[in-house]
Amino acid sequence: MTIRTLTPTDVKKYRLLRLAALHEQPPAFGTPAEKEEKLALEAMVLRLQESEDTYILGAFSDDSLVGTIRFSRFEEANEKHRGFIAGLYVRPDFRRHGLARALATEVLVRARQDAGLRRIHLTVITAQDAAIQLYKSLGFCIYGTEHEAFSNQGQFYDEHLMDLLLQAKTN
């Protein structure tokens, strides 16, 4: 298994995995599958342009993309000390092998190397017990719950707001 930053050359593999994730777990992602299916490949290529403030990691088994996670830093100058992770997904046939943990851990390793980052945020659907336990085991804490954050086919889903302090506060 290899974990690396995705590049524009990975766009077709990324698109396939992303659509699989949106169809399998619609409430877990903020984008409806139908909207993503209409997205031009060129727009997905732009997502895969790594920068200082954003990147997508991929887990590969041989040449197959089997998992992803996205890191982004908040854009405004007064929020640059915060980042967030989203889009953690591992193909069902590769789950329970530590890939989600490995992907999230790699983001945290990179984040801790950035002296300007103090805190990482994420959201997770309250019914996703395995994801919540993973994040808690990595040090994330729930600091709130947004009720009815998403709806899918008439069902509403709450999501937990979680964060992790990377750098100790200095006053």
Protein backbone atom coordinates (compact mmCIF):
# COMPACT_ATOMS: atom_id res chain seq x y z
CA MET A 1 0.00 0.00 0.00
CA THR A 2 1.24 3.45 -0.90
CA ILE A 3 -0.03 6.83 0.29
CA ARG A 4 0.84 9.90 -1.74
CA THR A 5 -0.52 13.25 -2.84
CA LEU A 6 -2.82 12.95 -5.83
CA THR A 7 -1.88 14.89 -8.95
CA PRO A 8 -3.86 15.88 -12.06
CA THR A 9 -2.68 12.66 -13.73
CA ASP A 10 -4.79 10.75 -11.16
CA VAL A 11 -8.01 12.50 -12.16
CA LYS A 12 -9.80 9.51 -13.73
CA LYS A 13 -9.04 7.25 -10.78
CA TYR A 14 -10.06 9.99 -8.37
CA ARG A 15 -13.34 10.61 -10.16
CA LEU A 16 -14.28 6.91 -10.06
CA LEU A 17 -13.54 6.62 -6.35
CA ARG A 18 -15.22 9.92 -5.51
CA LEU A 19 -18.43 8.91 -7.31
CA ALA A 20 -18.38 5.52 -5.58
CA ALA A 21 -18.11 7.29 -2.22
CA LEU A 22 -20.96 9.69 -2.97
CA HIS A 23 -23.24 6.85 -4.07
CA GLU A 24 -22.37 4.57 -1.17
CA GLN A 25 -22.51 7.14 1.65
CA PRO A 26 -24.59 10.11 0.40
CA PRO A 27 -25.18 11.73 3.81
CA ALA A 28 -21.46 11.57 4.67
CA PHE A 29 -20.45 14.00 1.94
CA GLY A 30 -21.69 17.52 1.34
CA THR A 31 -21.92 17.12 -2.42
CA PRO A 32 -24.77 15.11 -3.98
CA ALA A 33 -23.59 12.42 -6.42
CA GLU A 34 -25.79 13.86 -9.15
CA LYS A 35 -23.99 17.20 -8.97
CA GLU A 36 -20.55 15.59 -9.00
CA GLU A 37 -21.47 13.41 -12.00
CA LYS A 38 -22.12 16.58 -14.02
CA LEU A 39 -18.79 18.11 -13.04
CA ALA A 40 -16.38 18.37 -15.94
CA LEU A 41 -13.16 16.40 -15.70
CA GLU A 42 -11.25 19.69 -15.99
CA ALA A 43 -12.88 20.92 -12.77
CA MET A 44 -11.70 17.78 -10.99
CA VAL A 45 -8.20 18.35 -12.35
CA LEU A 46 -8.23 21.72 -10.55
CA ARG A 47 -9.04 19.95 -7.27
CA LEU A 48 -5.94 17.86 -7.71
CA GLN A 49 -3.63 20.87 -8.03
CA GLU A 50 -1.62 20.67 -4.82
CA SER A 51 -0.85 23.94 -3.08
CA GLU A 52 0.46 25.06 0.28
CA ASP A 53 -3.15 25.29 1.45
CA THR A 54 -4.83 22.22 -0.03
CA TYR A 55 -4.12 18.70 -1.21
CA ILE A 56 -5.77 15.31 -1.56
CA LEU A 57 -3.97 12.20 -0.41
CA GLY A 58 -4.64 8.86 -2.03
CA ALA A 59 -4.04 5.31 -0.84
CA PHE A 60 -3.04 2.97 -3.64
CA SER A 61 -3.05 -0.79 -3.83
CA ASP A 62 -0.79 -1.53 -6.78
CA ASP A 63 -2.11 0.99 -9.32
CA SER A 64 -5.68 1.21 -7.93
CA LEU A 65 -6.81 4.19 -5.90
CA VAL A 66 -8.61 2.71 -2.89
CA GLY A 67 -8.85 5.62 -0.44
CA THR A 68 -8.69 9.41 -0.21
CA ILE A 69 -8.68 12.29 2.24
CA ARG A 70 -8.59 16.04 1.57
CA PHE A 71 -6.80 18.70 3.60
CA SER A 72 -7.54 22.40 3.20
CA ARG A 73 -6.42 25.43 5.13
CA PHE A 74 -8.94 28.16 5.83
CA GLU A 75 -8.44 30.94 3.27
CA GLU A 76 -8.73 34.21 5.15
CA ALA A 77 -5.55 35.64 6.70
CA ASN A 78 -7.10 35.70 10.16
CA GLU A 79 -8.06 32.00 9.85
CA LYS A 80 -4.90 30.57 8.29
CA HIS A 81 -3.98 28.98 11.62
CA ARG A 82 -6.81 26.47 11.04
CA GLY A 83 -7.20 23.65 8.58
CA PHE A 84 -9.81 21.02 7.96
CA ILE A 85 -9.99 17.50 6.66
CA ALA A 86 -12.85 16.11 4.63
CA GLY A 87 -13.69 13.41 2.14
CA LEU A 88 -12.13 10.50 4.01
CA TYR A 89 -13.20 7.40 2.14
CA VAL A 90 -11.86 3.87 1.73
CA ARG A 91 -13.32 1.35 -0.69
CA PRO A 92 -15.37 -1.30 1.16
CA ASP A 93 -13.08 -4.16 0.08
CA PHE A 94 -10.08 -2.37 1.65
CA ARG A 95 -11.66 -1.40 4.97
CA ARG A 96 -10.53 -2.76 8.31
CA HIS A 97 -6.88 -2.74 7.22
CA GLY A 98 -5.92 0.59 8.78
CA LEU A 99 -6.09 2.68 5.60
CA ALA A 100 -8.41 5.35 6.99
CA ARG A 101 -6.12 5.69 10.01
CA ALA A 102 -3.03 5.82 7.77
CA LEU A 103 -4.56 8.54 5.56
CA ALA A 104 -5.68 10.68 8.51
CA THR A 105 -2.37 10.15 10.29
CA GLU A 106 -0.43 11.31 7.24
CA VAL A 107 -2.46 14.53 7.14
CA LEU A 108 -1.73 15.09 10.84
CA VAL A 109 1.99 14.43 10.37
CA ARG A 110 2.10 17.04 7.61
CA ALA A 111 -0.01 19.48 9.64
CA ARG A 112 2.27 19.21 12.66
CA GLN A 113 5.23 20.13 10.45
CA ASP A 114 3.55 23.44 9.61
CA ALA A 115 4.33 25.88 12.43
CA GLY A 116 1.49 28.15 11.27
CA LEU A 117 -1.22 25.54 11.82
CA ARG A 118 -2.71 25.32 15.31
CA ARG A 119 -5.95 23.44 14.84
CA ILE A 120 -7.58 20.93 12.47
CA HIS A 121 -11.37 20.73 12.11
CA LEU A 122 -13.70 18.16 10.60
CA THR A 123 -17.36 17.20 10.54
CA VAL A 124 -18.79 13.71 10.70
CA ILE A 125 -22.35 12.37 10.51
CA THR A 126 -23.38 11.40 14.05
CA ALA A 127 -24.36 7.88 12.99
CA GLN A 128 -20.89 7.08 11.62
CA ASP A 129 -19.60 5.40 14.77
CA ALA A 130 -16.46 3.91 13.20
CA ALA A 131 -15.36 7.29 11.83
CA ILE A 132 -16.06 9.03 15.13
CA GLN A 133 -14.04 6.43 17.02
CA LEU A 134 -11.17 6.77 14.55
CA TYR A 135 -11.09 10.55 14.92
CA LYS A 136 -11.31 10.35 18.72
CA SER A 137 -8.43 7.86 18.77
CA LEU A 138 -6.36 10.41 16.84
CA GLY A 139 -7.09 13.07 19.46
CA PHE A 140 -10.07 14.88 17.92
CA CYS A 141 -12.81 16.07 20.27
CA ILE A 142 -16.47 16.79 19.59
CA TYR A 143 -17.20 20.44 20.34
CA GLY A 144 -20.71 20.66 18.94
CA THR A 145 -23.45 19.05 16.91
CA GLU A 146 -25.24 20.61 13.97
CA HIS A 147 -28.76 19.26 13.77
CA GLU A 148 -30.22 18.41 10.37
CA ALA A 149 -27.01 19.40 8.59
CA PHE A 150 -27.90 17.28 5.55
CA SER A 151 -30.97 15.68 4.10
CA ASN A 152 -31.14 12.79 1.68
CA GLN A 153 -34.38 11.42 0.29
CA GLY A 154 -36.40 13.04 3.06
CA GLN A 155 -34.17 11.85 5.92
CA PHE A 156 -32.22 14.38 7.97
CA TYR A 157 -28.72 13.80 9.32
CA ASP A 158 -26.97 15.50 12.21
CA GLU A 159 -23.23 15.99 12.18
CA HIS A 160 -20.65 16.39 14.90
CA LEU A 161 -18.15 19.21 14.73
CA MET A 162 -14.74 17.94 15.81
CA ASP A 163 -11.32 19.51 16.16
CA LEU A 164 -7.78 18.76 17.23
CA LEU A 165 -5.35 21.25 18.77
CA LEU A 166 -1.95 20.80 17.08
CA GLN A 167 -0.01 23.56 18.81
CA ALA A 168 -0.30 24.54 22.45
CA LYS A 169 -1.89 27.91 23.07
CA THR A 170 0.48 30.73 23.94
CA ASN A 171 -0.89 33.82 25.66
